[in-house]
């Protein structure tokens, strides 16, 4: 009888951890998408309105 109760508690905990993991993974993906959107928006704005100076600086820094 005791073994059944322990096993049930472990499976409930595993299901809870799985649900938390799915939520955290979804939030992480949304955060990455938001960062990419902001970075691309800044890059495009700078390219068309700022002469692309910061984009050229980033490319030069990567090449070095």
PDB file of N, CA and C in Angstrom:
ATOM      1  N   UNK A   1       0.805  -1.191   0.000  1.00  0.00           N
ATOM      2  CA  UNK A   1       0.000   0.000   0.000  1.00  0.00           C
ATOM      3  C   UNK A   1       0.852   1.261   0.000  1.00  0.00           C
ATOM      4  N   UNK A   2       1.891   1.281   0.818  1.00  0.00           N
ATOM      5  CA  UNK A   2       2.746   2.465   0.913  1.00  0.00           C
ATOM      6  C   UNK A   2       3.473   2.705  -0.406  1.00  0.00           C
ATOM      7  N   UNK A   3       3.914   1.632  -1.046  1.00  0.00           N
ATOM      8  CA  UNK A   3       4.647   1.783  -2.306  1.00  0.00           C
ATOM      9  C   UNK A   3       3.777   2.448  -3.373  1.00  0.00           C
ATOM     10  N   UNK A   4       2.501   2.148  -3.411  1.00  0.00           N
ATOM     11  CA  UNK A   4       1.619   2.773  -4.390  1.00  0.00           C
ATOM     12  C   UNK A   4       1.486   4.278  -4.154  1.00  0.00           C
ATOM     13  N   UNK A   5       1.416   4.697  -2.909  1.00  0.00           N
ATOM     14  CA  UNK A   5       1.295   6.113  -2.601  1.00  0.00           C
ATOM     15  C   UNK A   5       2.567   6.869  -2.975  1.00  0.00           C
ATOM     16  N   UNK A   6       3.707   6.283  -2.712  1.00  0.00           N
ATOM     17  CA  UNK A   6       4.981   6.929  -3.058  1.00  0.00           C
ATOM     18  C   UNK A   6       5.110   7.053  -4.566  1.00  0.00           C
ATOM     19  N   UNK A   7       4.785   5.991  -5.264  1.00  0.00           N
ATOM     20  CA  UNK A   7       4.875   6.031  -6.725  1.00  0.00           C
ATOM     21  C   UNK A   7       3.932   7.083  -7.312  1.00  0.00           C
ATOM     22  N   UNK A   8       2.741   7.206  -6.756  1.00  0.00           N
ATOM     23  CA  UNK A   8       1.795   8.217  -7.224  1.00  0.00           C
ATOM     24  C   UNK A   8       2.323   9.620  -7.002  1.00  0.00           C
ATOM     25  N   UNK A   9       2.965   9.850  -5.872  1.00  0.00           N
ATOM     26  CA  UNK A   9       3.522  11.172  -5.579  1.00  0.00           C
ATOM     27  C   UNK A   9       4.658  11.500  -6.542  1.00  0.00           C
ATOM     28  N   UNK A  10       5.481  10.511  -6.875  1.00  0.00           N
ATOM     29  CA  UNK A  10       6.582  10.754  -7.809  1.00  0.00           C
ATOM     30  C   UNK A  10       6.059  11.098  -9.200  1.00  0.00           C
ATOM     31  N   UNK A  11       5.024  10.424  -9.653  1.00  0.00           N
ATOM     32  CA  UNK A  11       4.503  10.706 -10.990  1.00  0.00           C
ATOM     33  C   UNK A  11       3.822  12.076 -11.035  1.00  0.00           C
ATOM     34  N   UNK A  12       3.194  12.478  -9.910  1.00  0.00           N
ATOM     35  CA  UNK A  12       2.608  13.817  -9.854  1.00  0.00           C
ATOM     36  C   UNK A  12       3.701  14.882  -9.923  1.00  0.00           C
ATOM     37  N   UNK A  13       4.800  14.630  -9.205  1.00  0.00           N
ATOM     38  CA  UNK A  13       5.914  15.571  -9.221  1.00  0.00           C
ATOM     39  C   UNK A  13       6.539  15.642 -10.612  1.00  0.00           C
ATOM     40  N   UNK A  14       6.678  14.509 -11.262  1.00  0.00           N
ATOM     41  CA  UNK A  14       7.251  14.483 -12.603  1.00  0.00           C
ATOM     42  C   UNK A  14       6.362  15.245 -13.583  1.00  0.00           C
ATOM     43  N   UNK A  15       5.062  15.101 -13.453  1.00  0.00           N
ATOM     44  CA  UNK A  15       4.137  15.831 -14.321  1.00  0.00           C
ATOM     45  C   UNK A  15       4.218  17.326 -14.063  1.00  0.00           C
ATOM     46  N   UNK A  16       4.375  17.705 -12.804  1.00  0.00           N
ATOM     47  CA  UNK A  16       4.507  19.123 -12.462  1.00  0.00           C
ATOM     48  C   UNK A  16       5.791  19.698 -13.048  1.00  0.00           C
ATOM     49  N   UNK A  17       6.906  18.976 -12.896  1.00  0.00           N
ATOM     50  CA  UNK A  17       8.172  19.440 -13.465  1.00  0.00           C
ATOM     51  C   UNK A  17       8.093  19.542 -14.985  1.00  0.00           C
ATOM     52  N   UNK A  18       7.406  18.610 -15.619  1.00  0.00           N
ATOM     53  CA  UNK A  18       7.252  18.655 -17.070  1.00  0.00           C
ATOM     54  C   UNK A  18       6.440  19.874 -17.497  1.00  0.00           C
ATOM     55  N   UNK A  19       5.392  20.178 -16.749  1.00  0.00           N
ATOM     56  CA  UNK A  19       4.573  21.347 -17.077  1.00  0.00           C
ATOM     57  C   UNK A  19       5.364  22.637 -16.880  1.00  0.00           C
ATOM     58  N   UNK A  20       6.109  22.718 -15.800  1.00  0.00           N
ATOM     59  CA  UNK A  20       6.941  23.905 -15.552  1.00  0.00           C
ATOM     60  C   UNK A  20       8.001  24.030 -16.640  1.00  0.00           C
ATOM     61  N   UNK A  21       8.575  22.920 -17.038  1.00  0.00           N
ATOM     62  CA  UNK A  21       9.575  22.932 -18.107  1.00  0.00           C
ATOM     63  C   UNK A  21       8.996  23.433 -19.417  1.00  0.00           C
ATOM     64  N   UNK A  22       7.788  23.023 -19.743  1.00  0.00           N
ATOM     65  CA  UNK A  22       7.149  23.489 -20.981  1.00  0.00           C
ATOM     66  C   UNK A  22       6.882  24.981 -20.927  1.00  0.00           C
ATOM     67  N   UNK A  23       6.437  25.479 -19.777  1.00  0.00           N
ATOM     68  CA  UNK A  23       6.170  26.916 -19.637  1.00  0.00           C
ATOM     69  C   UNK A  23       7.460  27.708 -19.746  1.00  0.00           C
ATOM     70  N   UNK A  24       8.514  27.251 -19.072  1.00  0.00           N
ATOM     71  CA  UNK A  24       9.795  27.952 -19.143  1.00  0.00           C
ATOM     72  C   UNK A  24      10.361  27.941 -20.563  1.00  0.00           C
ATOM     73  N   UNK A  25      10.221  26.823 -21.255  1.00  0.00           N
ATOM     74  CA  UNK A  25      10.714  26.739 -22.630  1.00  0.00           C
ATOM     75  C   UNK A  25       9.947  27.699 -23.535  1.00  0.00           C
ATOM     76  N   UNK A  26       8.637  27.793 -23.347  1.00  0.00           N
ATOM     77  CA  UNK A  26       7.831  28.720 -24.147  1.00  0.00           C
ATOM     78  C   UNK A  26       8.221  30.170 -23.861  1.00  0.00           C
ATOM     79  N   UNK A  27       8.429  30.501 -22.586  1.00  0.00           N
ATOM     80  CA  UNK A  27       8.838  31.866 -22.236  1.00  0.00           C
ATOM     81  C   UNK A  27      10.211  32.196 -22.793  1.00  0.00           C
ATOM     82  N   UNK A  28      11.118  31.237 -22.756  1.00  0.00           N
ATOM     83  CA  UNK A  28      12.456  31.452 -23.312  1.00  0.00           C
ATOM     84  C   UNK A  28      12.391  31.681 -24.822  1.00  0.00           C
ATOM     85  N   UNK A  29      11.585  30.913 -25.503  1.00  0.00           N
ATOM     86  CA  UNK A  29      11.429  31.104 -26.955  1.00  0.00           C
ATOM     87  C   UNK A  29      10.826  32.478 -27.264  1.00  0.00           C
ATOM     88  N   UNK A  30       9.843  32.890 -26.496  1.00  0.00           N
ATOM     89  CA  UNK A  30       9.252  34.213 -26.713  1.00  0.00           C
ATOM     90  C   UNK A  30      10.271  35.322 -26.448  1.00  0.00           C
ATOM     91  N   UNK A  31      11.101  35.155 -25.436  1.00  0.00           N
ATOM     92  CA  UNK A  31      12.132  36.150 -25.137  1.00  0.00           C
ATOM     93  C   UNK A  31      13.151  36.239 -26.269  1.00  0.00           C
ATOM     94  N   UNK A  32      13.553  35.104 -26.808  1.00  0.00           N
ATOM     95  CA  UNK A  32      14.509  35.100 -27.920  1.00  0.00           C
ATOM     96  C   UNK A  32      13.898  35.774 -29.146  1.00  0.00           C
ATOM     97  N   UNK A  33      12.655  35.482 -29.439  1.00  0.00           N
ATOM     98  CA  UNK A  33      11.980  36.108 -30.580  1.00  0.00           C
ATOM     99  C   UNK A  33      11.891  37.618 -30.374  1.00  0.00           C
ATOM    100  N   UNK A  34      11.560  38.046 -29.168  1.00  0.00           N
ATOM    101  CA  UNK A  34      11.463  39.480 -28.889  1.00  0.00           C
ATOM    102  C   UNK A  34      12.818  40.161 -29.061  1.00  0.00           C
ATOM    103  N   UNK A  35      13.882  39.543 -28.588  1.00  0.00           N
ATOM    104  CA  UNK A  35      15.221  40.118 -28.742  1.00  0.00           C
ATOM    105  C   UNK A  35      15.598  40.206 -30.212  1.00  0.00           C
ATOM    106  N   UNK A  36      15.303  39.169 -30.974  1.00  0.00           N
ATOM    107  CA  UNK A  36      15.614  39.199 -32.411  1.00  0.00           C
ATOM    108  C   UNK A  36      14.836  40.289 -33.132  1.00  0.00           C
ATOM    109  N   UNK A  37      13.565  40.447 -32.795  1.00  0.00           N
ATOM    110  CA  UNK A  37      12.744  41.477 -33.438  1.00  0.00           C
ATOM    111  C   UNK A  37      13.299  42.865 -33.128  1.00  0.00           C
ATOM    112  N   UNK A  38      13.651  43.111 -31.872  1.00  0.00           N
ATOM    113  CA  UNK A  38      14.189  44.416 -31.500  1.00  0.00           C
ATOM    114  C   UNK A  38      15.522  44.655 -32.184  1.00  0.00           C
ATOM    115  N   UNK A  39      16.384  43.654 -32.221  1.00  0.00           N
ATOM    116  CA  UNK A  39      17.694  43.813 -32.860  1.00  0.00           C
ATOM    117  C   UNK A  39      17.541  44.065 -34.357  1.00  0.00           C
ATOM    118  N   UNK A  40      16.676  43.326 -35.022  1.00  0.00           N
ATOM    119  CA  UNK A  40      16.477  43.534 -36.454  1.00  0.00           C
ATOM    120  C   UNK A  40      15.850  44.892 -36.742  1.00  0.00           C
ATOM    121  N   UNK A  41      14.917  45.286 -35.894  1.00  0.00           N
ATOM    122  CA  UNK A  41      14.287  46.593 -36.083  1.00  0.00           C
ATOM    123  C   UNK A  41      15.317  47.711 -35.926  1.00  0.00           C
ATOM    124  N   UNK A  42      16.161  47.608 -34.893  1.00  0.00           N
ATOM    125  CA  UNK A  42      17.203  48.610 -34.689  1.00  0.00           C
ATOM    126  C   UNK A  42      18.179  48.618 -35.855  1.00  0.00           C
ATOM    127  N   UNK A  43      18.573  47.444 -36.305  1.00  0.00           N
ATOM    128  CA  UNK A  43      19.513  47.354 -37.412  1.00  0.00           C
ATOM    129  C   UNK A  43      18.952  47.937 -38.696  1.00  0.00           C
ATOM    130  N   UNK A  44      17.707  47.639 -38.999  1.00  0.00           N
ATOM    131  CA  UNK A  44      17.097  48.181 -40.213  1.00  0.00           C
ATOM    132  C   UNK A  44      16.910  49.691 -40.111  1.00  0.00           C
ATOM    133  N   UNK A  45      16.505  50.173 -38.935  1.00  0.00           N
ATOM    134  CA  UNK A  45      16.328  51.607 -38.754  1.00  0.00           C
ATOM    135  C   UNK A  45      17.661  52.319 -38.915  1.00  0.00           C
ATOM    136  N   UNK A  46      18.701  51.770 -38.306  1.00  0.00           N
ATOM    137  CA  UNK A  46      20.016  52.380 -38.404  1.00  0.00           C
ATOM    138  C   UNK A  46      20.520  52.341 -39.851  1.00  0.00           C
ATOM    139  N   UNK A  47      20.248  51.257 -40.547  1.00  0.00           N
ATOM    140  CA  UNK A  47      20.726  51.129 -41.922  1.00  0.00           C
ATOM    141  C   UNK A  47      20.090  52.192 -42.817  1.00  0.00           C
ATOM    142  N   UNK A  48      18.788  52.419 -42.660  1.00  0.00           N
ATOM    143  CA  UNK A  48      18.101  53.349 -43.548  1.00  0.00           C
ATOM    144  C   UNK A  48      18.152  54.797 -43.067  1.00  0.00           C
ATOM    145  N   UNK A  49      18.267  55.023 -41.744  1.00  0.00           N
ATOM    146  CA  UNK A  49      18.202  56.387 -41.225  1.00  0.00           C
ATOM    147  C   UNK A  49      19.506  56.863 -40.604  1.00  0.00           C
ATOM    148  N   UNK A  50      20.416  55.971 -40.296  1.00  0.00           N
ATOM    149  CA  UNK A  50      21.649  56.364 -39.628  1.00  0.00           C
ATOM    150  C   UNK A  50      22.883  56.115 -40.463  1.00  0.00           C
ATOM    151  N   UNK A  51      22.699  55.732 -41.692  1.00  0.00           N
ATOM    152  CA  UNK A  51      23.836  55.482 -42.561  1.00  0.00           C
ATOM    153  C   UNK A  51      24.478  54.123 -42.349  1.00  0.00           C
ATOM    154  N   UNK A  52      23.934  53.317 -41.464  1.00  0.00           N
ATOM    155  CA  UNK A  52      24.461  51.973 -41.252  1.00  0.00           C
ATOM    156  C   UNK A  52      25.777  51.942 -40.511  1.00  0.00           C
ATOM    157  N   UNK A  53      26.118  53.006 -39.799  1.00  0.00           N
ATOM    158  CA  UNK A  53      27.411  53.064 -39.115  1.00  0.00           C
ATOM    159  C   UNK A  53      27.557  51.968 -38.067  1.00  0.00           C
ATOM    160  N   UNK A  54      26.526  51.738 -37.278  1.00  0.00           N
ATOM    161  CA  UNK A  54      26.664  50.717 -36.229  1.00  0.00           C
ATOM    162  C   UNK A  54      26.711  49.309 -36.829  1.00  0.00           C
ATOM    163  N   UNK A  55      26.006  49.080 -37.926  1.00  0.00           N
ATOM    164  CA  UNK A  55      26.095  47.773 -38.579  1.00  0.00           C
ATOM    165  C   UNK A  55      27.492  47.531 -39.132  1.00  0.00           C
ATOM    166  N   UNK A  56      28.073  48.557 -39.741  1.00  0.00           N
ATOM    167  CA  UNK A  56      29.428  48.407 -40.257  1.00  0.00           C
ATOM    168  C   UNK A  56      30.419  48.192 -39.117  1.00  0.00           C
ATOM    169  N   UNK A  57      30.219  48.848 -37.987  1.00  0.00           N
ATOM    170  CA  UNK A  57      31.090  48.666 -36.835  1.00  0.00           C
ATOM    171  C   UNK A  57      30.983  47.238 -36.293  1.00  0.00           C
ATOM    172  N   UNK A  58      29.774  46.696 -36.266  1.00  0.00           N
ATOM    173  CA  UNK A  58      29.581  45.325 -35.791  1.00  0.00           C
ATOM    174  C   UNK A  58      30.267  44.333 -36.735  1.00  0.00           C
ATOM    175  N   UNK A  59      30.091  44.531 -38.038  1.00  0.00           N
ATOM    176  CA  UNK A  59      30.733  43.644 -39.019  1.00  0.00           C
ATOM    177  C   UNK A  59      32.249  43.719 -38.911  1.00  0.00           C
ATOM    178  N   UNK A  60      32.787  44.923 -38.734  1.00  0.00           N
ATOM    179  CA  UNK A  60      34.235  45.078 -38.576  1.00  0.00           C
ATOM    180  C   UNK A  60      34.725  44.403 -37.304  1.00  0.00           C
ATOM    181  N   UNK A  61      33.965  44.506 -36.225  1.00  0.00           N
ATOM    182  CA  UNK A  61      34.354  43.864 -34.965  1.00  0.00           C
ATOM    183  C   UNK A  61      34.339  42.338 -35.107  1.00  0.00           C
ATOM    184  N   UNK A  62      33.387  41.816 -35.862  1.00  0.00           N
ATOM    185  CA  UNK A  62      33.325  40.354 -36.051  1.00  0.00           C
ATOM    186  C   UNK A  62      34.488  39.877 -36.905  1.00  0.00           C
ATOM    187  N   UNK A  63      34.861  40.643 -37.893  1.00  0.00           N
ATOM    188  CA  UNK A  63      35.966  40.247 -38.788  1.00  0.00           C
ATOM    189  C   UNK A  63      37.305  40.234 -38.091  1.00  0.00           C
ATOM    190  N   UNK A  64      37.464  41.059 -37.061  1.00  0.00           N
ATOM    191  CA  UNK A  64      38.774  41.138 -36.387  1.00  0.00           C
ATOM    192  C   UNK A  64      38.965  40.030 -35.446  1.00  0.00           C
TER     193      UNK A  64
END
